[in-house]
Amino acid sequence: MLQITMIGAGNLAWHLAQALDAADCRVVQVYSRKLLNAKALASKLYDAESTDSLDFSESESDLFLLAVRDQAFAEVIPKLQLPENAIIAHTSGTQELAVLKNLSKAHGVFYPLQTFSKARKINFKKIHFCLEASNENTLDFLAEIADSLSKNIYQVSSADRRALHIAAVFACNFTNHLFTISKEILAKNDLEFEMLKPLIEETIEKAMNQAPEQSQTGPAVRGDQQTIEAHLQYLRKNTSFEKVYEALSTSIRKYYHV
């Protein structure tokens, strides 16, 4: 059975390690700078040891998966000690393939395009995996592992993956922040966020079932400056979100040449 070392114990590693363990793989080691975090994840796995050491020179793992935050790469990579001929891949949407080139000739990217929170269950069969590797053998090796989790597998270059990640930030992170703003505006008026859920669901469904650019509605795309000004006056008086509203309205109007 394929043996894997998971370097990291954050949200992504938490889900990915358990998914791999449930597939035709075995996560045998979990690293975290905080040993308690490594132990917490290892306790969810079939038979994994936890460690806060980056010396894996004696490890028998077939694959080392680097699943730490992007800002930790500069600290972790120079300290990593791997066995000779090790295969290592990172799971980042933004870091280039080349960041691993000094660790092993066989290096790659194993990027699951999804947002991860520990409390939320994830269906890996729906996830799209973006792979890249230093050579064909390593790519095939990573593809075989990805195939045990999902059939949605793509070979994506570092440059294209960066664009994909930026698009994901707009689609996920920025959208979620706008939900947060919406919730706060409602809360100031003792209204429930639940009231927006049918609207949000319909918005997402339309974006998925027809091109999102064909689904745009609202005062900006209509060129309704009177409504926009009324909204801005309200926001200036009651919140700190007028610049967000104004920037998005301007972007919509420019996109649709209104």
C-alpha atoms as a PDB file:
ATOM      1  CA  MET A   1       0.000   0.000   0.000  1.00  0.00           C
ATOM      2  CA  LEU A   2       1.215   3.465  -0.900  1.00  0.00           C
ATOM      3  CA  GLN A   3       2.652   5.325   2.092  1.00  0.00           C
ATOM      4  CA  ILE A   4       2.366   9.104   2.407  1.00  0.00           C
ATOM      5  CA  THR A   5       3.827  11.704   4.743  1.00  0.00           C
ATOM      6  CA  MET A   6       1.627  14.759   5.262  1.00  0.00           C
ATOM      7  CA  ILE A   7       3.685  17.869   5.995  1.00  0.00           C
ATOM      8  CA  GLY A   8       1.130  20.161   7.574  1.00  0.00           C
ATOM      9  CA  ALA A   9      -1.966  19.728   9.717  1.00  0.00           C
ATOM     10  CA  GLY A  10      -4.147  22.689   8.728  1.00  0.00           C
ATOM     11  CA  ASN A  11      -7.574  22.699   7.103  1.00  0.00           C
ATOM     12  CA  LEU A  12      -6.493  21.244   3.758  1.00  0.00           C
ATOM     13  CA  ALA A  13      -4.219  18.607   5.297  1.00  0.00           C
ATOM     14  CA  TRP A  14      -6.971  17.694   7.763  1.00  0.00           C
ATOM     15  CA  HIS A  15      -9.358  16.700   4.972  1.00  0.00           C
ATOM     16  CA  LEU A  16      -6.852  15.444   2.406  1.00  0.00           C
ATOM     17  CA  ALA A  17      -5.047  13.100   4.808  1.00  0.00           C
ATOM     18  CA  GLN A  18      -8.312  11.475   5.866  1.00  0.00           C
ATOM     19  CA  ALA A  19      -9.503  11.164   2.269  1.00  0.00           C
ATOM     20  CA  LEU A  20      -6.231   9.546   1.210  1.00  0.00           C
ATOM     21  CA  ASP A  21      -6.359   7.228   4.202  1.00  0.00           C
ATOM     22  CA  ALA A  22      -9.814   6.100   3.140  1.00  0.00           C
ATOM     23  CA  ALA A  23      -8.619   5.466  -0.429  1.00  0.00           C
ATOM     24  CA  ASP A  24      -5.905   3.078  -1.580  1.00  0.00           C
ATOM     25  CA  CYS A  25      -3.217   4.945   0.354  1.00  0.00           C
ATOM     26  CA  ARG A  26      -1.947   5.153   3.903  1.00  0.00           C
ATOM     27  CA  VAL A  27      -0.859   8.368   5.586  1.00  0.00           C
ATOM     28  CA  VAL A  28       1.839   7.151   7.956  1.00  0.00           C
ATOM     29  CA  GLN A  29       3.333  10.444   9.177  1.00  0.00           C
ATOM     30  CA  VAL A  30       1.907  13.856  10.006  1.00  0.00           C
ATOM     31  CA  TYR A  31       4.110  16.889  10.598  1.00  0.00           C
ATOM     32  CA  SER A  32       3.144  20.152  12.251  1.00  0.00           C
ATOM     33  CA  ARG A  33       5.238  22.867  13.838  1.00  0.00           C
ATOM     34  CA  LYS A  34       2.839  22.440  16.756  1.00  0.00           C
ATOM     35  CA  LEU A  35       2.997  18.790  17.782  1.00  0.00           C
ATOM     36  CA  LEU A  36      -0.501  18.873  19.270  1.00  0.00           C
ATOM     37  CA  ASN A  37      -1.912  19.725  15.826  1.00  0.00           C
ATOM     38  CA  ALA A  38      -0.033  16.810  14.258  1.00  0.00           C
ATOM     39  CA  LYS A  39      -1.337  14.490  16.966  1.00  0.00           C
ATOM     40  CA  ALA A  40      -4.914  15.712  16.440  1.00  0.00           C
ATOM     41  CA  LEU A  41      -4.794  14.830  12.735  1.00  0.00           C
ATOM     42  CA  ALA A  42      -2.896  11.570  13.293  1.00  0.00           C
ATOM     43  CA  SER A  43      -5.629  10.483  15.707  1.00  0.00           C
ATOM     44  CA  LYS A  44      -8.100  10.635  12.798  1.00  0.00           C
ATOM     45  CA  LEU A  45      -5.996   8.300  10.666  1.00  0.00           C
ATOM     46  CA  TYR A  46      -5.622   4.517  10.603  1.00  0.00           C
ATOM     47  CA  ASP A  47      -2.009   4.261  11.751  1.00  0.00           C
ATOM     48  CA  ALA A  48      -0.029   7.501  11.574  1.00  0.00           C
ATOM     49  CA  GLU A  49       2.702   8.890  13.771  1.00  0.00           C
ATOM     50  CA  SER A  50       2.976  12.586  14.568  1.00  0.00           C
ATOM     51  CA  THR A  51       6.108  14.697  14.557  1.00  0.00           C
ATOM     52  CA  ASP A  52       7.349  18.270  14.793  1.00  0.00           C
ATOM     53  CA  SER A  53      10.635  17.406  13.071  1.00  0.00           C
ATOM     54  CA  LEU A  54      11.292  18.045   9.370  1.00  0.00           C
ATOM     55  CA  ASP A  55      13.959  15.353   9.197  1.00  0.00           C
ATOM     56  CA  PHE A  56      12.369  12.605   7.106  1.00  0.00           C
ATOM     57  CA  SER A  57      15.672  11.221   5.839  1.00  0.00           C
ATOM     58  CA  GLU A  58      14.879   7.761   7.271  1.00  0.00           C
ATOM     59  CA  SER A  59      11.242   7.737   6.170  1.00  0.00           C
ATOM     60  CA  GLU A  60       9.934   4.945   3.959  1.00  0.00           C
ATOM     61  CA  SER A  61       7.090   7.030   2.536  1.00  0.00           C
ATOM     62  CA  ASP A  62       6.472   6.942  -1.218  1.00  0.00           C
ATOM     63  CA  LEU A  63       5.216  10.528  -1.317  1.00  0.00           C
ATOM     64  CA  PHE A  64       5.709  13.642   0.773  1.00  0.00           C
ATOM     65  CA  LEU A  65       2.815  16.111   0.522  1.00  0.00           C
ATOM     66  CA  LEU A  66       3.625  19.669   1.546  1.00  0.00           C
ATOM     67  CA  ALA A  67       0.354  21.185   2.781  1.00  0.00           C
ATOM     68  CA  VAL A  68       1.411  24.248   4.748  1.00  0.00           C
ATOM     69  CA  ARG A  69       0.412  27.884   4.329  1.00  0.00           C
ATOM     70  CA  ASP A  70       2.116  29.725   1.488  1.00  0.00           C
ATOM     71  CA  GLN A  71       3.895  32.055   3.903  1.00  0.00           C
ATOM     72  CA  ALA A  72       5.462  29.018   5.634  1.00  0.00           C
ATOM     73  CA  PHE A  73       7.163  27.704   2.474  1.00  0.00           C
ATOM     74  CA  ALA A  74      10.266  29.857   2.941  1.00  0.00           C
ATOM     75  CA  GLU A  75      10.713  28.526   6.468  1.00  0.00           C
ATOM     76  CA  VAL A  76       9.818  24.871   5.917  1.00  0.00           C
ATOM     77  CA  ILE A  77      11.479  24.007   2.600  1.00  0.00           C
ATOM     78  CA  PRO A  78      15.101  24.777   3.612  1.00  0.00           C
ATOM     79  CA  LYS A  79      14.697  22.601   6.715  1.00  0.00           C
ATOM     80  CA  LEU A  80      13.181  19.595   4.955  1.00  0.00           C
ATOM     81  CA  GLN A  81      15.363  16.499   4.848  1.00  0.00           C
ATOM     82  CA  LEU A  82      14.082  13.804   2.526  1.00  0.00           C
ATOM     83  CA  PRO A  83      15.276  10.327   1.553  1.00  0.00           C
ATOM     84  CA  GLU A  84      17.228   9.952  -1.662  1.00  0.00           C
ATOM     85  CA  ASN A  85      14.922   9.722  -4.701  1.00  0.00           C
ATOM     86  CA  ALA A  86      11.950  10.967  -2.691  1.00  0.00           C
ATOM     87  CA  ILE A  87       8.843  12.240  -4.450  1.00  0.00           C
ATOM     88  CA  ILE A  88       7.487  15.490  -3.046  1.00  0.00           C
ATOM     89  CA  ALA A  89       4.509  17.602  -4.100  1.00  0.00           C
ATOM     90  CA  HIS A  90       2.926  20.710  -2.686  1.00  0.00           C
ATOM     91  CA  THR A  91      -0.783  21.523  -2.536  1.00  0.00           C
ATOM     92  CA  SER A  92      -0.639  25.292  -3.078  1.00  0.00           C
ATOM     93  CA  GLY A  93      -2.619  27.225  -5.646  1.00  0.00           C
ATOM     94  CA  THR A  94      -0.038  30.019  -5.840  1.00  0.00           C
ATOM     95  CA  GLN A  95       3.421  28.525  -5.317  1.00  0.00           C
ATOM     96  CA  GLU A  96       5.277  27.515  -8.457  1.00  0.00           C
ATOM     97  CA  LEU A  97       6.461  24.012  -9.210  1.00  0.00           C
ATOM     98  CA  ALA A  98      10.072  25.212  -9.102  1.00  0.00           C
ATOM     99  CA  VAL A  99      10.017  25.938  -5.351  1.00  0.00           C
ATOM    100  CA  LEU A 100      10.585  22.198  -4.806  1.00  0.00           C
ATOM    101  CA  LYS A 101      13.347  21.671  -7.375  1.00  0.00           C
ATOM    102  CA  ASN A 102      16.181  21.637  -4.812  1.00  0.00           C
ATOM    103  CA  LEU A 103      14.485  18.983  -2.701  1.00  0.00           C
ATOM    104  CA  SER A 104      14.143  16.244  -5.287  1.00  0.00           C
ATOM    105  CA  LYS A 105      14.274  15.646  -9.020  1.00  0.00           C
ATOM    106  CA  ALA A 106      10.824  14.097  -8.681  1.00  0.00           C
ATOM    107  CA  HIS A 107       8.635  16.976  -7.556  1.00  0.00           C
ATOM    108  CA  GLY A 108       5.162  18.148  -8.389  1.00  0.00           C
ATOM    109  CA  VAL A 109       1.960  19.974  -7.530  1.00  0.00           C
ATOM    110  CA  PHE A 110      -1.134  18.257  -6.143  1.00  0.00           C
ATOM    111  CA  TYR A 111      -3.633  21.115  -5.872  1.00  0.00           C
ATOM    112  CA  PRO A 112      -7.268  20.426  -4.925  1.00  0.00           C
ATOM    113  CA  LEU A 113      -9.392  23.365  -6.048  1.00  0.00           C
ATOM    114  CA  GLN A 114     -11.679  23.773  -3.045  1.00  0.00           C
ATOM    115  CA  THR A 115     -12.182  25.769   0.134  1.00  0.00           C
ATOM    116  CA  PHE A 116     -11.523  23.753   3.296  1.00  0.00           C
ATOM    117  CA  SER A 117     -12.777  24.205   6.848  1.00  0.00           C
ATOM    118  CA  LYS A 118     -12.291  21.503   9.468  1.00  0.00           C
ATOM    119  CA  ALA A 119     -15.932  21.521  10.552  1.00  0.00           C
ATOM    120  CA  ARG A 120     -17.263  21.005   7.009  1.00  0.00           C
ATOM    121  CA  LYS A 121     -17.376  17.588   5.346  1.00  0.00           C
ATOM    122  CA  ILE A 122     -15.918  17.505   1.836  1.00  0.00           C
ATOM    123  CA  ASN A 123     -16.942  15.261  -1.053  1.00  0.00           C
ATOM    124  CA  PHE A 124     -13.624  14.689  -2.807  1.00  0.00           C
ATOM    125  CA  LYS A 125     -15.337  13.086  -5.795  1.00  0.00           C
ATOM    126  CA  LYS A 126     -16.527  16.567  -6.779  1.00  0.00           C
ATOM    127  CA  ILE A 127     -13.147  18.258  -6.361  1.00  0.00           C
ATOM    128  CA  HIS A 128     -11.035  19.199  -9.367  1.00  0.00           C
ATOM    129  CA  PHE A 129      -7.368  18.289  -8.915  1.00  0.00           C
ATOM    130  CA  CYS A 130      -4.763  20.376 -10.732  1.00  0.00           C
ATOM    131  CA  LEU A 131      -1.487  18.535 -11.253  1.00  0.00           C
ATOM    132  CA  GLU A 132       1.960  19.535 -12.457  1.00  0.00           C
ATOM    133  CA  ALA A 133       5.246  17.670 -12.240  1.00  0.00           C
ATOM    134  CA  SER A 134       8.926  17.795 -13.079  1.00  0.00           C
ATOM    135  CA  ASN A 135       8.648  14.736 -15.348  1.00  0.00           C
ATOM    136  CA  GLU A 136       6.092  12.379 -16.859  1.00  0.00           C
ATOM    137  CA  ASN A 137       6.686   9.567 -14.356  1.00  0.00           C
ATOM    138  CA  THR A 138       6.005  11.856 -11.424  1.00  0.00           C
ATOM    139  CA  LEU A 139       2.935  13.277 -13.158  1.00  0.00           C
ATOM    140  CA  ASP A 140       1.562   9.785 -13.763  1.00  0.00           C
ATOM    141  CA  PHE A 141       2.270   8.882 -10.134  1.00  0.00           C
ATOM    142  CA  LEU A 142       0.363  11.915  -8.831  1.00  0.00           C
ATOM    143  CA  ALA A 143      -2.473  11.320 -11.302  1.00  0.00           C
ATOM    144  CA  GLU A 144      -2.898   7.772 -10.019  1.00  0.00           C
ATOM    145  CA  ILE A 145      -3.253   9.060  -6.465  1.00  0.00           C
ATOM    146  CA  ALA A 146      -5.659  11.822  -7.513  1.00  0.00           C
ATOM    147  CA  ASP A 147      -7.712   9.245  -9.428  1.00  0.00           C
ATOM    148  CA  SER A 148      -8.326   7.366  -6.176  1.00  0.00           C
ATOM    149  CA  LEU A 149     -10.083  10.494  -4.870  1.00  0.00           C
ATOM    150  CA  SER A 150     -11.714  12.099  -7.922  1.00  0.00           C
ATOM    151  CA  LYS A 151     -12.091  11.655 -11.665  1.00  0.00           C
ATOM    152  CA  ASN A 152     -11.765  15.415 -12.215  1.00  0.00           C
ATOM    153  CA  ILE A 153      -8.050  15.655 -12.918  1.00  0.00           C
ATOM    154  CA  TYR A 154      -6.266  18.336 -14.946  1.00  0.00           C
ATOM    155  CA  GLN A 155      -2.682  19.024 -15.899  1.00  0.00           C
ATOM    156  CA  VAL A 156      -2.232  22.721 -15.138  1.00  0.00           C
ATOM    157  CA  SER A 157       0.943  24.792 -15.449  1.00  0.00           C
ATOM    158  CA  SER A 158       2.157  27.069 -12.653  1.00  0.00           C
ATOM    159  CA  ALA A 159       1.123  30.173 -14.648  1.00  0.00           C
ATOM    160  CA  ASP A 160      -2.366  28.830 -15.335  1.00  0.00           C
ATOM    161  CA  ARG A 161      -2.753  27.664 -11.752  1.00  0.00           C
ATOM    162  CA  ARG A 162      -1.980  31.198 -10.555  1.00  0.00           C
ATOM    163  CA  ALA A 163      -4.771  32.550 -12.779  1.00  0.00           C
ATOM    164  CA  LEU A 164      -7.071  29.798 -11.528  1.00  0.00           C
ATOM    165  CA  HIS A 165      -6.306  30.684  -7.927  1.00  0.00           C
ATOM    166  CA  ILE A 166      -6.972  34.383  -8.518  1.00  0.00           C
ATOM    167  CA  ALA A 167     -10.306  33.475 -10.121  1.00  0.00           C
ATOM    168  CA  ALA A 168     -11.055  31.264  -7.113  1.00  0.00           C
ATOM    169  CA  VAL A 169     -10.366  34.167  -4.730  1.00  0.00           C
ATOM    170  CA  PHE A 170     -12.959  36.260  -6.574  1.00  0.00           C
ATOM    171  CA  ALA A 171     -15.471  33.407  -6.751  1.00  0.00           C
ATOM    172  CA  CYS A 172     -15.040  32.192  -3.180  1.00  0.00           C
ATOM    173  CA  ASN A 173     -13.199  34.501  -0.786  1.00  0.00           C
ATOM    174  CA  PHE A 174     -14.503  37.822  -2.085  1.00  0.00           C
ATOM    175  CA  THR A 175     -18.013  36.449  -2.497  1.00  0.00           C
ATOM    176  CA  ASN A 176     -18.002  35.156   1.071  1.00  0.00           C
ATOM    177  CA  HIS A 177     -16.812  38.556   2.302  1.00  0.00           C
ATOM    178  CA  LEU A 178     -19.736  40.170   0.486  1.00  0.00           C
ATOM    179  CA  PHE A 179     -22.065  37.740   2.271  1.00  0.00           C
ATOM    180  CA  THR A 180     -20.470  38.876   5.535  1.00  0.00           C
ATOM    181  CA  ILE A 181     -21.107  42.519   4.648  1.00  0.00           C
ATOM    182  CA  SER A 182     -24.692  41.699   3.724  1.00  0.00           C
ATOM    183  CA  LYS A 183     -25.213  39.942   7.048  1.00  0.00           C
ATOM    184  CA  GLU A 184     -23.821  42.918   8.979  1.00  0.00           C
ATOM    185  CA  ILE A 185     -26.044  45.407   7.134  1.00  0.00           C
ATOM    186  CA  LEU A 186     -29.082  43.269   7.931  1.00  0.00           C
ATOM    187  CA  ALA A 187     -28.056  42.832  11.562  1.00  0.00           C
ATOM    188  CA  LYS A 188     -27.936  46.619  12.023  1.00  0.00           C
ATOM    189  CA  ASN A 189     -31.633  46.611  11.133  1.00  0.00           C
ATOM    190  CA  ASP A 190     -32.552  43.494  13.148  1.00  0.00           C
ATOM    191  CA  LEU A 191     -33.069  41.471   9.982  1.00  0.00           C
ATOM    192  CA  GLU A 192     -31.998  37.846   9.524  1.00  0.00           C
ATOM    193  CA  PHE A 193     -29.391  36.717   6.976  1.00  0.00           C
ATOM    194  CA  GLU A 194     -31.714  33.768   6.358  1.00  0.00           C
ATOM    195  CA  MET A 195     -33.890  36.140   4.297  1.00  0.00           C
ATOM    196  CA  LEU A 196     -31.165  36.329   1.632  1.00  0.00           C
ATOM    197  CA  LYS A 197     -30.641  32.587   1.247  1.00  0.00           C
ATOM    198  CA  PRO A 198     -33.195  32.008  -1.572  1.00  0.00           C
ATOM    199  CA  LEU A 199     -31.682  34.974  -3.433  1.00  0.00           C
ATOM    200  CA  ILE A 200     -28.152  33.629  -2.963  1.00  0.00           C
ATOM    201  CA  GLU A 201     -29.182  30.142  -4.087  1.00  0.00           C
ATOM    202  CA  GLU A 202     -30.871  31.505  -7.220  1.00  0.00           C
ATOM    203  CA  THR A 203     -27.844  33.681  -7.997  1.00  0.00           C
ATOM    204  CA  ILE A 204     -25.475  30.699  -7.769  1.00  0.00           C
ATOM    205  CA  GLU A 205     -27.821  28.450  -9.747  1.00  0.00           C
ATOM    206  CA  LYS A 206     -28.099  30.994 -12.558  1.00  0.00           C
ATOM    207  CA  ALA A 207     -24.327  31.453 -12.670  1.00  0.00           C
ATOM    208  CA  MET A 208     -23.866  27.683 -12.961  1.00  0.00           C
ATOM    209  CA  ASN A 209     -26.641  27.027 -15.486  1.00  0.00           C
ATOM    210  CA  GLN A 210     -26.022  29.982 -17.758  1.00  0.00           C
ATOM    211  CA  ALA A 211     -22.999  32.206 -18.276  1.00  0.00           C
ATOM    212  CA  PRO A 212     -22.579  34.484 -15.227  1.00  0.00           C
ATOM    213  CA  GLU A 213     -22.086  37.543 -17.417  1.00  0.00           C
ATOM    214  CA  GLN A 214     -25.566  36.910 -18.819  1.00  0.00           C
ATOM    215  CA  SER A 215     -27.071  36.710 -15.327  1.00  0.00           C
ATOM    216  CA  GLN A 216     -26.103  40.145 -14.023  1.00  0.00           C
ATOM    217  CA  THR A 217     -28.960  42.183 -12.590  1.00  0.00           C
ATOM    218  CA  GLY A 218     -29.198  45.199 -10.292  1.00  0.00           C
ATOM    219  CA  PRO A 219     -28.904  48.994 -10.440  1.00  0.00           C
ATOM    220  CA  ALA A 220     -25.346  49.128 -11.807  1.00  0.00           C
ATOM    221  CA  VAL A 221     -26.025  47.073 -14.947  1.00  0.00           C
ATOM    222  CA  ARG A 222     -29.245  49.054 -15.492  1.00  0.00           C
ATOM    223  CA  GLY A 223     -27.373  52.344 -15.167  1.00  0.00           C
ATOM    224  CA  ASP A 224     -29.704  53.341 -12.345  1.00  0.00           C
ATOM    225  CA  GLN A 225     -27.571  56.095 -10.838  1.00  0.00           C
ATOM    226  CA  GLN A 226     -30.408  57.375  -8.648  1.00  0.00           C
ATOM    227  CA  THR A 227     -30.629  54.078  -6.778  1.00  0.00           C
ATOM    228  CA  ILE A 228     -26.849  53.804  -6.574  1.00  0.00           C
ATOM    229  CA  GLU A 229     -26.594  57.251  -5.002  1.00  0.00           C
ATOM    230  CA  ALA A 230     -29.335  56.423  -2.512  1.00  0.00           C
ATOM    231  CA  HIS A 231     -27.519  53.249  -1.516  1.00  0.00           C
ATOM    232  CA  LEU A 232     -24.208  55.104  -1.154  1.00  0.00           C
ATOM    233  CA  GLN A 233     -25.822  57.730   1.080  1.00  0.00           C
ATOM    234  CA  TYR A 234     -27.195  54.994   3.325  1.00  0.00           C
ATOM    235  CA  LEU A 235     -23.813  53.221   3.481  1.00  0.00           C
ATOM    236  CA  ARG A 236     -21.905  56.422   4.261  1.00  0.00           C
ATOM    237  CA  LYS A 237     -24.251  57.135   7.147  1.00  0.00           C
ATOM    238  CA  ASN A 238     -24.549  53.641   8.599  1.00  0.00           C
ATOM    239  CA  THR A 239     -21.517  51.534   7.600  1.00  0.00           C
ATOM    240  CA  SER A 240     -17.943  51.614   6.326  1.00  0.00           C
ATOM    241  CA  PHE A 241     -18.730  49.710   3.121  1.00  0.00           C
ATOM    242  CA  GLU A 242     -19.498  52.545   0.694  1.00  0.00           C
ATOM    243  CA  LYS A 243     -16.129  52.175  -1.078  1.00  0.00           C
ATOM    244  CA  VAL A 244     -16.737  48.474  -1.674  1.00  0.00           C
ATOM    245  CA  TYR A 245     -20.189  49.210  -3.103  1.00  0.00           C
ATOM    246  CA  GLU A 246     -18.853  52.028  -5.266  1.00  0.00           C
ATOM    247  CA  ALA A 247     -15.917  50.007  -6.594  1.00  0.00           C
ATOM    248  CA  LEU A 248     -18.100  47.040  -7.526  1.00  0.00           C
ATOM    249  CA  SER A 249     -20.766  49.233  -9.120  1.00  0.00           C
ATOM    250  CA  THR A 250     -18.112  50.996 -11.193  1.00  0.00           C
ATOM    251  CA  SER A 251     -16.615  47.674 -12.245  1.00  0.00           C
ATOM    252  CA  ILE A 252     -20.038  46.370 -13.341  1.00  0.00           C
ATOM    253  CA  ARG A 253     -20.786  49.522 -15.320  1.00  0.00           C
ATOM    254  CA  LYS A 254     -17.423  49.418 -17.090  1.00  0.00           C
ATOM    255  CA  TYR A 255     -17.806  45.713 -17.891  1.00  0.00           C
ATOM    256  CA  TYR A 256     -21.218  46.262 -19.470  1.00  0.00           C
ATOM    257  CA  HIS A 257     -20.349  49.676 -20.948  1.00  0.00           C
ATOM    258  CA  VAL A 258     -23.237  51.318 -19.077  1.00  0.00           C
END
